[in-house]
Amino acid sequence: MTPAPDSDTEGMRDLVPSRSRPAVDRSLRPNRISIWPVTRGGYGIDFTYHGATGYSDAETAEQMLRAAGLTTSFRQELDSAWTVRFGPLPRDHMRAVLDQYAW
């Protein structure tokens, strides 16, 4: 499948897990993950953080995802949570992000 023209594929080779650093350093452990299909193709992803450290956790997640070459947006939710949104990503890249950063 060819990625959509607006998809976030630059820097995706950086999403291959590195064996040189422990998995705990890569995990962003969001409180909530939302995934949805995008009409142009691919998937959008939200990593949402709650609680007293929600803002700083989301800020850290945004920095790590941007360092991996993804374009992100940062937003405050109505329930005082903080969300990092990125995509659209092709299916394989979406799964790579989840495997490397979400769990």
N, C-alpha and C. Protein backbone atom coordinates (compact mmCIF):
# COMPACT_ATOMS: atom_id res chain seq x y z
N MET A 1 0.83 -1.18 0.00
CA MET A 1 0.00 0.00 0.00
C MET A 1 0.87 1.24 0.00
N THR A 2 0.61 2.16 -0.89
CA THR A 2 1.36 3.39 -0.98
C THR A 2 0.83 4.38 0.05
N PRO A 3 1.72 4.99 0.84
CA PRO A 3 1.25 5.91 1.86
C PRO A 3 0.58 7.13 1.24
N ALA A 4 -0.36 7.70 1.95
CA ALA A 4 -1.04 8.91 1.51
C ALA A 4 -0.02 10.03 1.43
N PRO A 5 -0.22 10.99 0.51
CA PRO A 5 0.77 12.06 0.33
C PRO A 5 1.04 12.84 1.61
N ASP A 6 0.05 12.98 2.47
CA ASP A 6 0.23 13.74 3.70
C ASP A 6 0.68 12.87 4.86
N SER A 7 0.94 11.59 4.62
CA SER A 7 1.27 10.71 5.73
C SER A 7 2.66 11.03 6.27
N ASP A 8 2.85 10.66 7.49
CA ASP A 8 4.06 10.97 8.24
C ASP A 8 5.04 9.82 8.11
N THR A 9 5.75 9.71 6.99
CA THR A 9 6.63 8.56 6.78
C THR A 9 8.11 8.91 6.87
N GLU A 10 8.45 10.19 6.87
CA GLU A 10 9.85 10.55 6.97
C GLU A 10 10.35 10.20 8.36
N GLY A 11 11.54 9.63 8.45
CA GLY A 11 12.10 9.27 9.73
C GLY A 11 11.56 7.96 10.28
N MET A 12 10.75 7.26 9.50
CA MET A 12 10.14 6.03 10.01
C MET A 12 11.18 4.94 10.24
N ARG A 13 12.28 4.96 9.56
CA ARG A 13 13.29 3.92 9.79
C ARG A 13 13.80 3.99 11.22
N ASP A 14 13.65 5.15 11.87
CA ASP A 14 14.06 5.30 13.27
C ASP A 14 13.14 4.56 14.22
N LEU A 15 12.00 4.06 13.72
CA LEU A 15 11.06 3.38 14.59
C LEU A 15 11.41 1.91 14.79
N VAL A 16 12.43 1.43 14.10
CA VAL A 16 12.87 0.06 14.32
C VAL A 16 13.48 0.00 15.70
N PRO A 17 13.01 -0.91 16.54
CA PRO A 17 13.51 -0.95 17.93
C PRO A 17 15.03 -1.10 17.99
N SER A 18 15.61 -0.34 18.85
CA SER A 18 17.05 -0.42 19.08
C SER A 18 17.31 -1.38 20.22
N ARG A 19 18.22 -2.29 20.03
CA ARG A 19 18.55 -3.23 21.10
C ARG A 19 19.57 -2.62 22.06
N SER A 20 20.09 -1.45 21.72
CA SER A 20 21.11 -0.84 22.56
C SER A 20 20.52 -0.13 23.78
N ARG A 21 19.21 0.16 23.77
CA ARG A 21 18.62 0.79 24.94
C ARG A 21 17.49 -0.07 25.47
N PRO A 22 17.31 -0.08 26.76
CA PRO A 22 16.24 -0.89 27.33
C PRO A 22 14.87 -0.40 26.88
N ALA A 23 13.90 -1.32 26.81
CA ALA A 23 12.56 -1.00 26.35
C ALA A 23 11.89 0.06 27.22
N VAL A 24 12.22 0.10 28.50
CA VAL A 24 11.59 1.07 29.39
C VAL A 24 11.90 2.50 28.97
N ASP A 25 13.06 2.74 28.37
CA ASP A 25 13.43 4.08 27.91
C ASP A 25 12.59 4.53 26.73
N ARG A 26 12.06 3.59 25.96
CA ARG A 26 11.29 3.94 24.77
C ARG A 26 9.80 4.04 25.06
N SER A 27 9.32 3.38 26.07
CA SER A 27 7.89 3.32 26.30
C SER A 27 7.36 4.65 26.82
N LEU A 28 6.30 5.11 26.20
CA LEU A 28 5.68 6.37 26.61
C LEU A 28 4.49 6.13 27.53
N ARG A 29 4.00 4.92 27.61
CA ARG A 29 2.93 4.50 28.52
C ARG A 29 1.78 5.51 28.64
N PRO A 30 1.09 5.78 27.54
CA PRO A 30 -0.06 6.69 27.64
C PRO A 30 -1.19 6.05 28.45
N ASN A 31 -2.02 6.88 29.07
CA ASN A 31 -3.18 6.39 29.80
C ASN A 31 -4.28 5.91 28.87
N ARG A 32 -4.35 6.52 27.69
CA ARG A 32 -5.36 6.13 26.70
C ARG A 32 -4.74 6.27 25.30
N ILE A 33 -5.05 5.30 24.45
CA ILE A 33 -4.61 5.33 23.06
C ILE A 33 -5.85 5.29 22.18
N SER A 34 -5.93 6.20 21.22
CA SER A 34 -7.02 6.20 20.25
C SER A 34 -6.42 6.05 18.87
N ILE A 35 -7.03 5.17 18.07
CA ILE A 35 -6.58 4.92 16.70
C ILE A 35 -7.81 4.98 15.81
N TRP A 36 -7.71 5.65 14.70
CA TRP A 36 -8.84 5.72 13.78
C TRP A 36 -8.35 5.76 12.34
N PRO A 37 -9.14 5.20 11.41
CA PRO A 37 -8.77 5.27 9.99
C PRO A 37 -9.02 6.67 9.45
N VAL A 38 -8.15 7.10 8.56
CA VAL A 38 -8.26 8.42 7.93
C VAL A 38 -8.72 8.21 6.50
N THR A 39 -9.61 9.08 6.02
CA THR A 39 -10.18 8.92 4.69
C THR A 39 -9.13 8.87 3.60
N ARG A 40 -8.06 9.62 3.74
CA ARG A 40 -7.00 9.64 2.72
C ARG A 40 -6.16 8.38 2.75
N GLY A 41 -6.37 7.54 3.73
CA GLY A 41 -5.55 6.34 3.89
C GLY A 41 -4.67 6.47 5.12
N GLY A 42 -4.43 5.38 5.76
CA GLY A 42 -3.60 5.38 6.96
C GLY A 42 -4.43 5.55 8.21
N TYR A 43 -3.74 5.81 9.32
CA TYR A 43 -4.37 5.88 10.63
C TYR A 43 -3.84 7.08 11.41
N GLY A 44 -4.73 7.70 12.16
CA GLY A 44 -4.35 8.73 13.11
C GLY A 44 -4.24 8.08 14.49
N ILE A 45 -3.37 8.61 15.33
CA ILE A 45 -3.16 8.06 16.67
C ILE A 45 -3.11 9.21 17.67
N ASP A 46 -3.78 9.00 18.81
CA ASP A 46 -3.67 9.91 19.95
C ASP A 46 -3.08 9.14 21.13
N PHE A 47 -2.11 9.73 21.78
CA PHE A 47 -1.63 9.26 23.08
C PHE A 47 -2.11 10.29 24.09
N THR A 48 -2.93 9.87 25.06
CA THR A 48 -3.52 10.79 26.02
C THR A 48 -3.03 10.46 27.43
N TYR A 49 -2.75 11.52 28.19
CA TYR A 49 -2.20 11.40 29.54
C TYR A 49 -3.08 12.15 30.53
N HIS A 50 -3.32 11.55 31.68
CA HIS A 50 -4.17 12.13 32.73
C HIS A 50 -3.36 12.33 34.00
N GLY A 51 -3.95 13.01 34.94
CA GLY A 51 -3.38 13.11 36.27
C GLY A 51 -2.40 14.26 36.45
N ALA A 52 -1.78 14.25 37.62
CA ALA A 52 -0.87 15.33 38.02
C ALA A 52 0.32 15.47 37.08
N THR A 53 0.77 14.37 36.51
CA THR A 53 1.94 14.42 35.61
C THR A 53 1.53 14.36 34.14
N GLY A 54 0.24 14.49 33.86
CA GLY A 54 -0.26 14.37 32.49
C GLY A 54 0.42 15.31 31.51
N TYR A 55 0.55 16.58 31.89
CA TYR A 55 1.16 17.56 30.98
C TYR A 55 2.61 17.21 30.69
N SER A 56 3.39 16.95 31.72
CA SER A 56 4.81 16.66 31.50
C SER A 56 5.01 15.33 30.77
N ASP A 57 4.15 14.34 31.05
CA ASP A 57 4.24 13.06 30.32
C ASP A 57 3.94 13.26 28.84
N ALA A 58 2.90 14.05 28.53
CA ALA A 58 2.55 14.31 27.13
C ALA A 58 3.64 15.11 26.44
N GLU A 59 4.21 16.05 27.14
CA GLU A 59 5.29 16.86 26.58
C GLU A 59 6.50 15.99 26.24
N THR A 60 6.85 15.07 27.14
CA THR A 60 7.95 14.14 26.90
C THR A 60 7.64 13.24 25.70
N ALA A 61 6.41 12.75 25.63
CA ALA A 61 6.01 11.89 24.50
C ALA A 61 6.13 12.65 23.20
N GLU A 62 5.68 13.89 23.18
CA GLU A 62 5.76 14.69 21.96
C GLU A 62 7.22 14.86 21.53
N GLN A 63 8.10 15.15 22.45
CA GLN A 63 9.52 15.33 22.13
C GLN A 63 10.12 14.04 21.56
N MET A 64 9.79 12.89 22.16
CA MET A 64 10.34 11.62 21.68
C MET A 64 9.81 11.28 20.29
N LEU A 65 8.53 11.52 20.05
CA LEU A 65 7.95 11.21 18.75
C LEU A 65 8.49 12.14 17.67
N ARG A 66 8.67 13.40 18.00
CA ARG A 66 9.27 14.34 17.03
C ARG A 66 10.72 13.96 16.74
N ALA A 67 11.45 13.52 17.75
CA ALA A 67 12.84 13.08 17.54
C ALA A 67 12.89 11.87 16.61
N ALA A 68 11.81 11.07 16.59
CA ALA A 68 11.74 9.91 15.69
C ALA A 68 11.27 10.30 14.30
N GLY A 69 11.04 11.59 14.06
CA GLY A 69 10.68 12.06 12.73
C GLY A 69 9.18 12.19 12.48
N LEU A 70 8.36 12.09 13.52
CA LEU A 70 6.92 12.21 13.34
C LEU A 70 6.47 13.65 13.58
N THR A 71 5.46 14.09 12.83
CA THR A 71 4.85 15.39 13.04
C THR A 71 3.73 15.21 14.05
N THR A 72 3.73 16.02 15.10
CA THR A 72 2.74 15.85 16.17
C THR A 72 2.01 17.17 16.41
N SER A 73 0.88 17.06 17.09
CA SER A 73 0.22 18.24 17.65
C SER A 73 -0.07 17.94 19.11
N PHE A 74 -0.13 18.99 19.89
CA PHE A 74 -0.26 18.88 21.34
C PHE A 74 -1.53 19.62 21.73
N ARG A 75 -2.42 18.97 22.49
CA ARG A 75 -3.70 19.60 22.83
C ARG A 75 -4.16 19.23 24.22
N GLN A 76 -4.90 20.16 24.83
CA GLN A 76 -5.53 19.88 26.11
C GLN A 76 -6.97 19.44 25.85
N GLU A 77 -7.38 18.37 26.51
CA GLU A 77 -8.73 17.85 26.36
C GLU A 77 -9.67 18.51 27.37
N LEU A 78 -10.97 18.35 27.17
CA LEU A 78 -11.96 18.95 28.06
C LEU A 78 -11.89 18.40 29.48
N ASP A 79 -11.42 17.14 29.61
CA ASP A 79 -11.33 16.53 30.94
C ASP A 79 -9.98 16.79 31.61
N SER A 80 -9.29 17.83 31.17
CA SER A 80 -7.98 18.25 31.69
C SER A 80 -6.85 17.28 31.36
N ALA A 81 -7.10 16.35 30.47
CA ALA A 81 -6.05 15.46 29.99
C ALA A 81 -5.25 16.18 28.90
N TRP A 82 -4.09 15.62 28.57
CA TRP A 82 -3.24 16.18 27.52
C TRP A 82 -3.01 15.10 26.48
N THR A 83 -3.12 15.48 25.19
CA THR A 83 -3.02 14.52 24.10
C THR A 83 -1.96 14.93 23.10
N VAL A 84 -1.20 13.92 22.65
CA VAL A 84 -0.27 14.08 21.55
C VAL A 84 -0.90 13.35 20.37
N ARG A 85 -1.17 14.07 19.28
CA ARG A 85 -1.81 13.49 18.09
C ARG A 85 -0.79 13.45 16.95
N PHE A 86 -0.79 12.35 16.22
CA PHE A 86 0.09 12.24 15.06
C PHE A 86 -0.53 11.34 14.01
N GLY A 87 0.01 11.42 12.80
CA GLY A 87 -0.52 10.67 11.67
C GLY A 87 -1.03 11.64 10.62
N PRO A 88 -1.56 11.12 9.53
CA PRO A 88 -1.84 9.71 9.30
C PRO A 88 -0.57 8.92 9.00
N LEU A 89 -0.59 7.68 9.44
CA LEU A 89 0.51 6.75 9.21
C LEU A 89 -0.03 5.53 8.48
N PRO A 90 0.76 4.95 7.56
CA PRO A 90 0.35 3.67 6.98
C PRO A 90 0.25 2.60 8.07
N ARG A 91 -0.51 1.57 7.82
CA ARG A 91 -0.78 0.53 8.82
C ARG A 91 0.49 -0.02 9.47
N ASP A 92 1.48 -0.37 8.67
CA ASP A 92 2.71 -0.95 9.21
C ASP A 92 3.43 0.04 10.12
N HIS A 93 3.43 1.32 9.76
CA HIS A 93 4.09 2.32 10.58
C HIS A 93 3.31 2.57 11.86
N MET A 94 1.99 2.54 11.76
CA MET A 94 1.16 2.70 12.95
C MET A 94 1.46 1.58 13.95
N ARG A 95 1.56 0.36 13.45
CA ARG A 95 1.87 -0.78 14.33
C ARG A 95 3.27 -0.66 14.92
N ALA A 96 4.23 -0.17 14.14
CA ALA A 96 5.59 0.00 14.64
C ALA A 96 5.63 1.03 15.76
N VAL A 97 4.90 2.13 15.62
CA VAL A 97 4.84 3.14 16.68
C VAL A 97 4.24 2.54 17.94
N LEU A 98 3.14 1.82 17.79
CA LEU A 98 2.50 1.22 18.97
C LEU A 98 3.42 0.20 19.63
N ASP A 99 4.05 -0.66 18.83
CA ASP A 99 4.93 -1.68 19.39
C ASP A 99 6.12 -1.07 20.12
N GLN A 100 6.66 -0.01 19.57
CA GLN A 100 7.86 0.55 20.16
C GLN A 100 7.59 1.53 21.30
N TYR A 101 6.53 2.33 21.20
CA TYR A 101 6.34 3.41 22.17
C TYR A 101 5.18 3.25 23.14
N ALA A 102 4.15 2.50 22.78
CA ALA A 102 2.93 2.53 23.60
C ALA A 102 2.92 1.51 24.72
N TRP A 103 3.56 0.39 24.56
CA TRP A 103 3.39 -0.69 25.56
C TRP A 103 4.48 -0.69 26.57
